[in-house]
PDB file of N, CA and C in Angstrom:
ATOM      1  N   MET A   1       3.600 -32.450 -17.768  1.00  0.00           N
ATOM      2  CA  MET A   1       4.666 -31.845 -18.549  1.00  0.00           C
ATOM      3  C   MET A   1       5.447 -30.907 -17.640  1.00  0.00           C
ATOM      4  N   THR A   2       6.721 -30.936 -17.745  1.00  0.00           N
ATOM      5  CA  THR A   2       7.561 -30.023 -16.993  1.00  0.00           C
ATOM      6  C   THR A   2       8.449 -29.249 -17.952  1.00  0.00           C
ATOM      7  N   SER A   3       8.970 -28.142 -17.463  1.00  0.00           N
ATOM      8  CA  SER A   3       9.823 -27.323 -18.312  1.00  0.00           C
ATOM      9  C   SER A   3      11.255 -27.862 -18.382  1.00  0.00           C
ATOM     10  N   GLU A   4      11.655 -28.642 -17.407  1.00  0.00           N
ATOM     11  CA  GLU A   4      12.996 -29.202 -17.365  1.00  0.00           C
ATOM     12  C   GLU A   4      12.927 -30.649 -16.887  1.00  0.00           C
ATOM     13  N   VAL A   5      13.826 -31.490 -17.381  1.00  0.00           N
ATOM     14  CA  VAL A   5      13.864 -32.889 -16.967  1.00  0.00           C
ATOM     15  C   VAL A   5      14.099 -32.980 -15.465  1.00  0.00           C
ATOM     16  N   CYS A   6      14.905 -32.080 -14.902  1.00  0.00           N
ATOM     17  CA  CYS A   6      15.203 -32.139 -13.469  1.00  0.00           C
ATOM     18  C   CYS A   6      13.951 -31.920 -12.621  1.00  0.00           C
ATOM     19  N   ASN A   7      12.891 -31.358 -13.188  1.00  0.00           N
ATOM     20  CA  ASN A   7      11.645 -31.150 -12.461  1.00  0.00           C
ATOM     21  C   ASN A   7      10.722 -32.364 -12.534  1.00  0.00           C
ATOM     22  N   LEU A   8      11.098 -33.342 -13.321  1.00  0.00           N
ATOM     23  CA  LEU A   8      10.284 -34.540 -13.486  1.00  0.00           C
ATOM     24  C   LEU A   8      10.650 -35.556 -12.405  1.00  0.00           C
ATOM     25  N   HIS A   9       9.658 -36.099 -11.742  1.00  0.00           N
ATOM     26  CA  HIS A   9       9.899 -37.071 -10.676  1.00  0.00           C
ATOM     27  C   HIS A   9      10.623 -38.288 -11.246  1.00  0.00           C
ATOM     28  N   LYS A  10      11.530 -38.857 -10.458  1.00  0.00           N
ATOM     29  CA  LYS A  10      12.339 -40.003 -10.908  1.00  0.00           C
ATOM     30  C   LYS A  10      11.469 -41.172 -11.353  1.00  0.00           C
ATOM     31  N   ASP A  11      10.352 -41.411 -10.668  1.00  0.00           N
ATOM     32  CA  ASP A  11       9.458 -42.505 -11.055  1.00  0.00           C
ATOM     33  C   ASP A  11       8.891 -42.296 -12.457  1.00  0.00           C
ATOM     34  N   LYS A  12       8.661 -41.058 -12.837  1.00  0.00           N
ATOM     35  CA  LYS A  12       8.146 -40.767 -14.183  1.00  0.00           C
ATOM     36  C   LYS A  12       9.199 -41.090 -15.231  1.00  0.00           C
ATOM     37  N   ILE A  13      10.437 -40.758 -14.941  1.00  0.00           N
ATOM     38  CA  ILE A  13      11.521 -41.039 -15.881  1.00  0.00           C
ATOM     39  C   ILE A  13      11.679 -42.551 -16.050  1.00  0.00           C
ATOM     40  N   VAL A  14      11.640 -43.288 -14.934  1.00  0.00           N
ATOM     41  CA  VAL A  14      11.760 -44.751 -14.975  1.00  0.00           C
ATOM     42  C   VAL A  14      10.588 -45.354 -15.746  1.00  0.00           C
ATOM     43  N   ALA A  15       9.410 -44.719 -15.660  1.00  0.00           N
ATOM     44  CA  ALA A  15       8.219 -45.228 -16.336  1.00  0.00           C
ATOM     45  C   ALA A  15       8.246 -44.955 -17.840  1.00  0.00           C
ATOM     46  N   GLY A  16       9.306 -44.299 -18.325  1.00  0.00           N
ATOM     47  CA  GLY A  16       9.421 -44.090 -19.761  1.00  0.00           C
ATOM     48  C   GLY A  16       9.091 -42.689 -20.228  1.00  0.00           C
ATOM     49  N   MET A  17       8.883 -41.778 -19.303  1.00  0.00           N
ATOM     50  CA  MET A  17       8.632 -40.394 -19.712  1.00  0.00           C
ATOM     51  C   MET A  17       9.902 -39.858 -20.360  1.00  0.00           C
ATOM     52  N   LYS A  18       9.734 -38.993 -21.333  1.00  0.00           N
ATOM     53  CA  LYS A  18      10.905 -38.453 -22.003  1.00  0.00           C
ATOM     54  C   LYS A  18      10.741 -36.971 -22.244  1.00  0.00           C
ATOM     55  N   GLN A  19      11.850 -36.322 -22.493  1.00  0.00           N
ATOM     56  CA  GLN A  19      11.840 -34.897 -22.754  1.00  0.00           C
ATOM     57  C   GLN A  19      11.469 -34.653 -24.209  1.00  0.00           C
ATOM     58  N   VAL A  20      10.565 -33.715 -24.431  1.00  0.00           N
ATOM     59  CA  VAL A  20      10.204 -33.318 -25.784  1.00  0.00           C
ATOM     60  C   VAL A  20      10.279 -31.802 -25.867  1.00  0.00           C
ATOM     61  N   THR A  21      10.538 -31.305 -27.049  1.00  0.00           N
ATOM     62  CA  THR A  21      10.573 -29.872 -27.265  1.00  0.00           C
ATOM     63  C   THR A  21       9.170 -29.397 -27.594  1.00  0.00           C
ATOM     64  N   VAL A  22       8.705 -28.403 -26.871  1.00  0.00           N
ATOM     65  CA  VAL A  22       7.351 -27.893 -27.070  1.00  0.00           C
ATOM     66  C   VAL A  22       7.440 -26.548 -27.775  1.00  0.00           C
ATOM     67  N   ASP A  23       6.738 -26.438 -28.891  1.00  0.00           N
ATOM     68  CA  ASP A  23       6.598 -25.157 -29.576  1.00  0.00           C
ATOM     69  C   ASP A  23       5.254 -25.148 -30.284  1.00  0.00           C
ATOM     70  N   LYS A  24       4.946 -24.064 -30.956  1.00  0.00           N
ATOM     71  CA  LYS A  24       3.639 -23.916 -31.602  1.00  0.00           C
ATOM     72  C   LYS A  24       3.373 -25.026 -32.622  1.00  0.00           C
ATOM     73  N   ALA A  25       4.418 -25.567 -33.220  1.00  0.00           N
ATOM     74  CA  ALA A  25       4.241 -26.572 -34.273  1.00  0.00           C
ATOM     75  C   ALA A  25       3.843 -27.934 -33.718  1.00  0.00           C
ATOM     76  N   ASN A  26       4.281 -28.255 -32.502  1.00  0.00           N
ATOM     77  CA  ASN A  26       4.015 -29.611 -32.035  1.00  0.00           C
ATOM     78  C   ASN A  26       3.328 -29.693 -30.683  1.00  0.00           C
ATOM     79  N   GLY A  27       2.776 -28.615 -30.199  1.00  0.00           N
ATOM     80  CA  GLY A  27       2.038 -28.676 -28.951  1.00  0.00           C
ATOM     81  C   GLY A  27       2.387 -27.535 -28.028  1.00  0.00           C
ATOM     82  N   THR A  28       1.623 -27.440 -26.968  1.00  0.00           N
ATOM     83  CA  THR A  28       1.853 -26.408 -25.972  1.00  0.00           C
ATOM     84  C   THR A  28       1.487 -26.977 -24.608  1.00  0.00           C
ATOM     85  N   VAL A  29       1.824 -26.260 -23.567  1.00  0.00           N
ATOM     86  CA  VAL A  29       1.499 -26.718 -22.223  1.00  0.00           C
ATOM     87  C   VAL A  29      -0.002 -26.925 -22.124  1.00  0.00           C
ATOM     88  N   GLY A  30      -0.408 -28.099 -21.682  1.00  0.00           N
ATOM     89  CA  GLY A  30      -1.822 -28.435 -21.574  1.00  0.00           C
ATOM     90  C   GLY A  30      -2.272 -29.433 -22.620  1.00  0.00           C
ATOM     91  N   ASP A  31      -1.483 -29.619 -23.674  1.00  0.00           N
ATOM     92  CA  ASP A  31      -1.813 -30.595 -24.708  1.00  0.00           C
ATOM     93  C   ASP A  31      -1.390 -31.991 -24.261  1.00  0.00           C
ATOM     94  N   LEU A  32      -1.971 -32.996 -24.892  1.00  0.00           N
ATOM     95  CA  LEU A  32      -1.662 -34.389 -24.581  1.00  0.00           C
ATOM     96  C   LEU A  32      -0.713 -34.935 -25.642  1.00  0.00           C
ATOM     97  N   TYR A  33       0.400 -35.498 -25.185  1.00  0.00           N
ATOM     98  CA  TYR A  33       1.393 -36.069 -26.094  1.00  0.00           C
ATOM     99  C   TYR A  33       1.239 -37.579 -26.116  1.00  0.00           C
ATOM    100  N   ASP A  34       1.120 -38.142 -27.310  1.00  0.00           N
ATOM    101  CA  ASP A  34       1.051 -39.600 -27.472  1.00  0.00           C
ATOM    102  C   ASP A  34       2.398 -40.070 -27.989  1.00  0.00           C
ATOM    103  N   SER A  35       3.181 -40.720 -27.113  1.00  0.00           N
ATOM    104  CA  SER A  35       4.533 -41.122 -27.484  1.00  0.00           C
ATOM    105  C   SER A  35       4.544 -42.254 -28.501  1.00  0.00           C
ATOM    106  N   GLU A  36       3.484 -43.060 -28.541  1.00  0.00           N
ATOM    107  CA  GLU A  36       3.445 -44.171 -29.500  1.00  0.00           C
ATOM    108  C   GLU A  36       3.351 -43.668 -30.932  1.00  0.00           C
ATOM    109  N   THR A  37       2.553 -42.622 -31.150  1.00  0.00           N
ATOM    110  CA  THR A  37       2.388 -42.071 -32.502  1.00  0.00           C
ATOM    111  C   THR A  37       3.195 -40.792 -32.693  1.00  0.00           C
ATOM    112  N   ASP A  38       3.852 -40.317 -31.618  1.00  0.00           N
ATOM    113  CA  ASP A  38       4.632 -39.077 -31.646  1.00  0.00           C
ATOM    114  C   ASP A  38       3.783 -37.904 -32.141  1.00  0.00           C
ATOM    115  N   THR A  39       2.551 -37.811 -31.617  1.00  0.00           N
ATOM    116  CA  THR A  39       1.648 -36.724 -32.008  1.00  0.00           C
ATOM    117  C   THR A  39       1.120 -36.010 -30.764  1.00  0.00           C
ATOM    118  N   TRP A  40       0.612 -34.822 -30.990  1.00  0.00           N
ATOM    119  CA  TRP A  40       0.032 -34.003 -29.923  1.00  0.00           C
ATOM    120  C   TRP A  40      -1.466 -33.888 -30.146  1.00  0.00           C
ATOM    121  N   GLU A  41      -2.228 -33.974 -29.072  1.00  0.00           N
ATOM    122  CA  GLU A  41      -3.672 -33.769 -29.125  1.00  0.00           C
ATOM    123  C   GLU A  41      -3.972 -32.476 -28.368  1.00  0.00           C
ATOM    124  N   ALA A  42      -4.575 -31.523 -29.064  1.00  0.00           N
ATOM    125  CA  ALA A  42      -4.854 -30.215 -28.463  1.00  0.00           C
ATOM    126  C   ALA A  42      -5.926 -30.328 -27.388  1.00  0.00           C
ATOM    127  N   HIS A  43      -5.683 -29.670 -26.271  1.00  0.00           N
ATOM    128  CA  HIS A  43      -6.640 -29.586 -25.166  1.00  0.00           C
ATOM    129  C   HIS A  43      -6.661 -28.140 -24.672  1.00  0.00           C
ATOM    130  N   PRO A  44      -7.332 -27.249 -25.419  1.00  0.00           N
ATOM    131  CA  PRO A  44      -7.327 -25.828 -25.046  1.00  0.00           C
ATOM    132  C   PRO A  44      -7.898 -25.554 -23.658  1.00  0.00           C
ATOM    133  N   GLU A  45      -8.744 -26.448 -23.163  1.00  0.00           N
ATOM    134  CA  GLU A  45      -9.313 -26.237 -21.830  1.00  0.00           C
ATOM    135  C   GLU A  45      -8.239 -26.332 -20.740  1.00  0.00           C
ATOM    136  N   ASN A  46      -7.081 -26.903 -21.072  1.00  0.00           N
ATOM    137  CA  ASN A  46      -5.983 -27.024 -20.108  1.00  0.00           C
ATOM    138  C   ASN A  46      -4.934 -25.930 -20.251  1.00  0.00           C
ATOM    139  N   TYR A  47      -5.081 -25.039 -21.232  1.00  0.00           N
ATOM    140  CA  TYR A  47      -4.069 -24.017 -21.463  1.00  0.00           C
ATOM    141  C   TYR A  47      -4.044 -23.039 -20.290  1.00  0.00           C
ATOM    142  N   PRO A  48      -2.866 -22.519 -19.980  1.00  0.00           N
ATOM    143  CA  PRO A  48      -2.771 -21.542 -18.889  1.00  0.00           C
ATOM    144  C   PRO A  48      -3.656 -20.330 -19.168  1.00  0.00           C
ATOM    145  N   ARG A  49      -4.347 -19.882 -18.144  1.00  0.00           N
ATOM    146  CA  ARG A  49      -5.223 -18.713 -18.266  1.00  0.00           C
ATOM    147  C   ARG A  49      -4.480 -17.470 -17.783  1.00  0.00           C
ATOM    148  N   PRO A  50      -4.709 -16.333 -18.451  1.00  0.00           N
ATOM    149  CA  PRO A  50      -4.056 -15.104 -17.983  1.00  0.00           C
ATOM    150  C   PRO A  50      -4.620 -14.679 -16.628  1.00  0.00           C
ATOM    151  N   SER A  51      -3.774 -14.050 -15.831  1.00  0.00           N
ATOM    152  CA  SER A  51      -4.210 -13.562 -14.531  1.00  0.00           C
ATOM    153  C   SER A  51      -5.119 -12.348 -14.731  1.00  0.00           C
ATOM    154  N   GLU A  52      -5.813 -11.957 -13.680  1.00  0.00           N
ATOM    155  CA  GLU A  52      -6.694 -10.787 -13.749  1.00  0.00           C
ATOM    156  C   GLU A  52      -5.885  -9.535 -14.106  1.00  0.00           C
ATOM    157  N   LYS A  53      -4.684  -9.436 -13.563  1.00  0.00           N
ATOM    158  CA  LYS A  53      -3.821  -8.287 -13.859  1.00  0.00           C
ATOM    159  C   LYS A  53      -3.439  -8.269 -15.345  1.00  0.00           C
ATOM    160  N   GLU A  54      -3.132  -9.438 -15.917  1.00  0.00           N
ATOM    161  CA  GLU A  54      -2.791  -9.516 -17.343  1.00  0.00           C
ATOM    162  C   GLU A  54      -3.983  -9.154 -18.218  1.00  0.00           C
ATOM    163  N   VAL A  55      -5.185  -9.569 -17.825  1.00  0.00           N
ATOM    164  CA  VAL A  55      -6.393  -9.234 -18.573  1.00  0.00           C
ATOM    165  C   VAL A  55      -6.610  -7.720 -18.541  1.00  0.00           C
ATOM    166  N   GLN A  56      -6.446  -7.129 -17.368  1.00  0.00           N
ATOM    167  CA  GLN A  56      -6.615  -5.680 -17.245  1.00  0.00           C
ATOM    168  C   GLN A  56      -5.595  -4.937 -18.099  1.00  0.00           C
ATOM    169  N   GLU A  57      -4.349  -5.385 -18.073  1.00  0.00           N
ATOM    170  CA  GLU A  57      -3.300  -4.733 -18.869  1.00  0.00           C
ATOM    171  C   GLU A  57      -3.603  -4.823 -20.362  1.00  0.00           C
ATOM    172  N   GLN A  58      -4.110  -5.962 -20.803  1.00  0.00           N
ATOM    173  CA  GLN A  58      -4.474  -6.129 -22.214  1.00  0.00           C
ATOM    174  C   GLN A  58      -5.575  -5.146 -22.595  1.00  0.00           C
ATOM    175  N   LYS A  59      -6.577  -4.987 -21.737  1.00  0.00           N
ATOM    176  CA  LYS A  59      -7.660  -4.043 -22.002  1.00  0.00           C
ATOM    177  C   LYS A  59      -7.138  -2.615 -22.065  1.00  0.00           C
ATOM    178  N   ILE A  60      -6.210  -2.289 -21.172  1.00  0.00           N
ATOM    179  CA  ILE A  60      -5.617  -0.942 -21.176  1.00  0.00           C
ATOM    180  C   ILE A  60      -4.872  -0.704 -22.482  1.00  0.00           C
ATOM    181  N   GLN A  61      -4.077  -1.674 -22.909  1.00  0.00           N
ATOM    182  CA  GLN A  61      -3.312  -1.528 -24.146  1.00  0.00           C
ATOM    183  C   GLN A  61      -4.226  -1.380 -25.363  1.00  0.00           C
ATOM    184  N   GLU A  62      -5.319  -2.126 -25.390  1.00  0.00           N
ATOM    185  CA  GLU A  62      -6.279  -2.004 -26.485  1.00  0.00           C
ATOM    186  C   GLU A  62      -6.915  -0.622 -26.512  1.00  0.00           C
ATOM    187  N   GLU A  63      -7.242  -0.097 -25.332  1.00  0.00           N
ATOM    188  CA  GLU A  63      -7.854   1.237 -25.256  1.00  0.00           C
ATOM    189  C   GLU A  63      -6.857   2.319 -25.671  1.00  0.00           C
ATOM    190  N   VAL A  64      -5.607   2.189 -25.249  1.00  0.00           N
ATOM    191  CA  VAL A  64      -4.568   3.144 -25.647  1.00  0.00           C
ATOM    192  C   VAL A  64      -4.415   3.138 -27.167  1.00  0.00           C
ATOM    193  N   HIS A  65      -4.395   1.965 -27.758  1.00  0.00           N
ATOM    194  CA  HIS A  65      -4.266   1.854 -29.207  1.00  0.00           C
ATOM    195  C   HIS A  65      -5.454   2.512 -29.912  1.00  0.00           C
ATOM    196  N   ARG A  66      -6.657   2.262 -29.409  1.00  0.00           N
ATOM    197  CA  ARG A  66      -7.866   2.835 -30.014  1.00  0.00           C
ATOM    198  C   ARG A  66      -7.842   4.359 -29.922  1.00  0.00           C
ATOM    199  N   LEU A  67      -7.505   4.882 -28.741  1.00  0.00           N
ATOM    200  CA  LEU A  67      -7.472   6.331 -28.558  1.00  0.00           C
ATOM    201  C   LEU A  67      -6.393   6.983 -29.414  1.00  0.00           C
ATOM    202  N   THR A  68      -5.233   6.353 -29.495  1.00  0.00           N
ATOM    203  CA  THR A  68      -4.137   6.884 -30.308  1.00  0.00           C
ATOM    204  C   THR A  68      -4.548   6.934 -31.779  1.00  0.00           C
ATOM    205  N   ARG A  69      -5.200   5.891 -32.243  1.00  0.00           N
ATOM    206  CA  ARG A  69      -5.654   5.841 -33.642  1.00  0.00           C
ATOM    207  C   ARG A  69      -6.688   6.939 -33.917  1.00  0.00           C
ATOM    208  N   GLU A  70      -7.644   7.092 -33.010  1.00  0.00           N
ATOM    209  CA  GLU A  70      -8.677   8.123 -33.192  1.00  0.00           C
ATOM    210  C   GLU A  70      -8.053   9.508 -33.229  1.00  0.00           C
ATOM    211  N   GLN A  71      -7.068   9.766 -32.347  1.00  0.00           N
ATOM    212  CA  GLN A  71      -6.400  11.068 -32.326  1.00  0.00           C
ATOM    213  C   GLN A  71      -5.608  11.287 -33.619  1.00  0.00           C
ATOM    214  N   ALA A  72      -4.961  10.256 -34.124  1.00  0.00           N
ATOM    215  CA  ALA A  72      -4.208  10.377 -35.371  1.00  0.00           C
ATOM    216  C   ALA A  72      -5.143  10.704 -36.533  1.00  0.00           C
ATOM    217  N   ILE A  73      -6.295  10.075 -36.576  1.00  0.00           N
ATOM    218  CA  ILE A  73      -7.268  10.343 -37.642  1.00  0.00           C
ATOM    219  C   ILE A  73      -7.743  11.784 -37.561  1.00  0.00           C
ATOM    220  N   ARG A  74      -8.061  12.258 -36.351  1.00  0.00           N
ATOM    221  CA  ARG A  74      -8.505  13.650 -36.189  1.00  0.00           C
ATOM    222  C   ARG A  74      -7.417  14.623 -36.629  1.00  0.00           C
ATOM    223  N   ASN A  75      -6.171  14.354 -36.251  1.00  0.00           N
ATOM    224  CA  ASN A  75      -5.070  15.240 -36.622  1.00  0.00           C
ATOM    225  C   ASN A  75      -4.907  15.304 -38.138  1.00  0.00           C
ATOM    226  N   LEU A  76      -4.983  14.174 -38.809  1.00  0.00           N
ATOM    227  CA  LEU A  76      -4.849  14.147 -40.264  1.00  0.00           C
ATOM    228  C   LEU A  76      -6.035  14.844 -40.935  1.00  0.00           C
ATOM    229  N   GLN A  77      -7.216  14.680 -40.388  1.00  0.00           N
ATOM    230  CA  GLN A  77      -8.396  15.357 -40.953  1.00  0.00           C
ATOM    231  C   GLN A  77      -8.272  16.870 -40.765  1.00  0.00           C
ATOM    232  N   ASP A  78      -7.770  17.317 -39.621  1.00  0.00           N
ATOM    233  CA  ASP A  78      -7.580  18.762 -39.374  1.00  0.00           C
ATOM    234  C   ASP A  78      -6.591  19.363 -40.356  1.00  0.00           C
ATOM    235  N   ARG A  79      -5.631  18.590 -40.801  1.00  0.00           N
ATOM    236  CA  ARG A  79      -4.629  19.075 -41.761  1.00  0.00           C
ATOM    237  C   ARG A  79      -5.040  18.769 -43.200  1.00  0.00           C
ATOM    238  N   ASN A  80      -6.267  18.281 -43.389  1.00  0.00           N
ATOM    239  CA  ASN A  80      -6.789  17.915 -44.715  1.00  0.00           C
ATOM    240  C   ASN A  80      -5.916  16.899 -45.434  1.00  0.00           C
ATOM    241  N   GLU A  81      -5.350  15.991 -44.690  1.00  0.00           N
ATOM    242  CA  GLU A  81      -4.543  14.944 -45.294  1.00  0.00           C
ATOM    243  C   GLU A  81      -5.335  13.641 -45.415  1.00  0.00           C
ATOM    244  N   LEU A  82      -6.536  13.641 -44.863  1.00  0.00           N
ATOM    245  CA  LEU A  82      -7.422  12.485 -44.996  1.00  0.00           C
ATOM    246  C   LEU A  82      -8.754  12.938 -45.537  1.00  0.00           C
TER     247      LEU A  82
END
């Protein structure tokens, strides 16, 4: 699968490959497209994996959210609003 037809090798186009629109409803990068039945077969093992930096950033964001929530709860309890 390519993001643009221009990235597809000419032999693939001659062999009958075609451009399809990929979205959550009909597949994602890594899924198998069956042109005969016009269906997608999910293959999560082929999905792009986040980089180590992206994983670290996600963990940081989760921790920031947790700490912010805990501080908000303490502030509301100190003001007797909870």
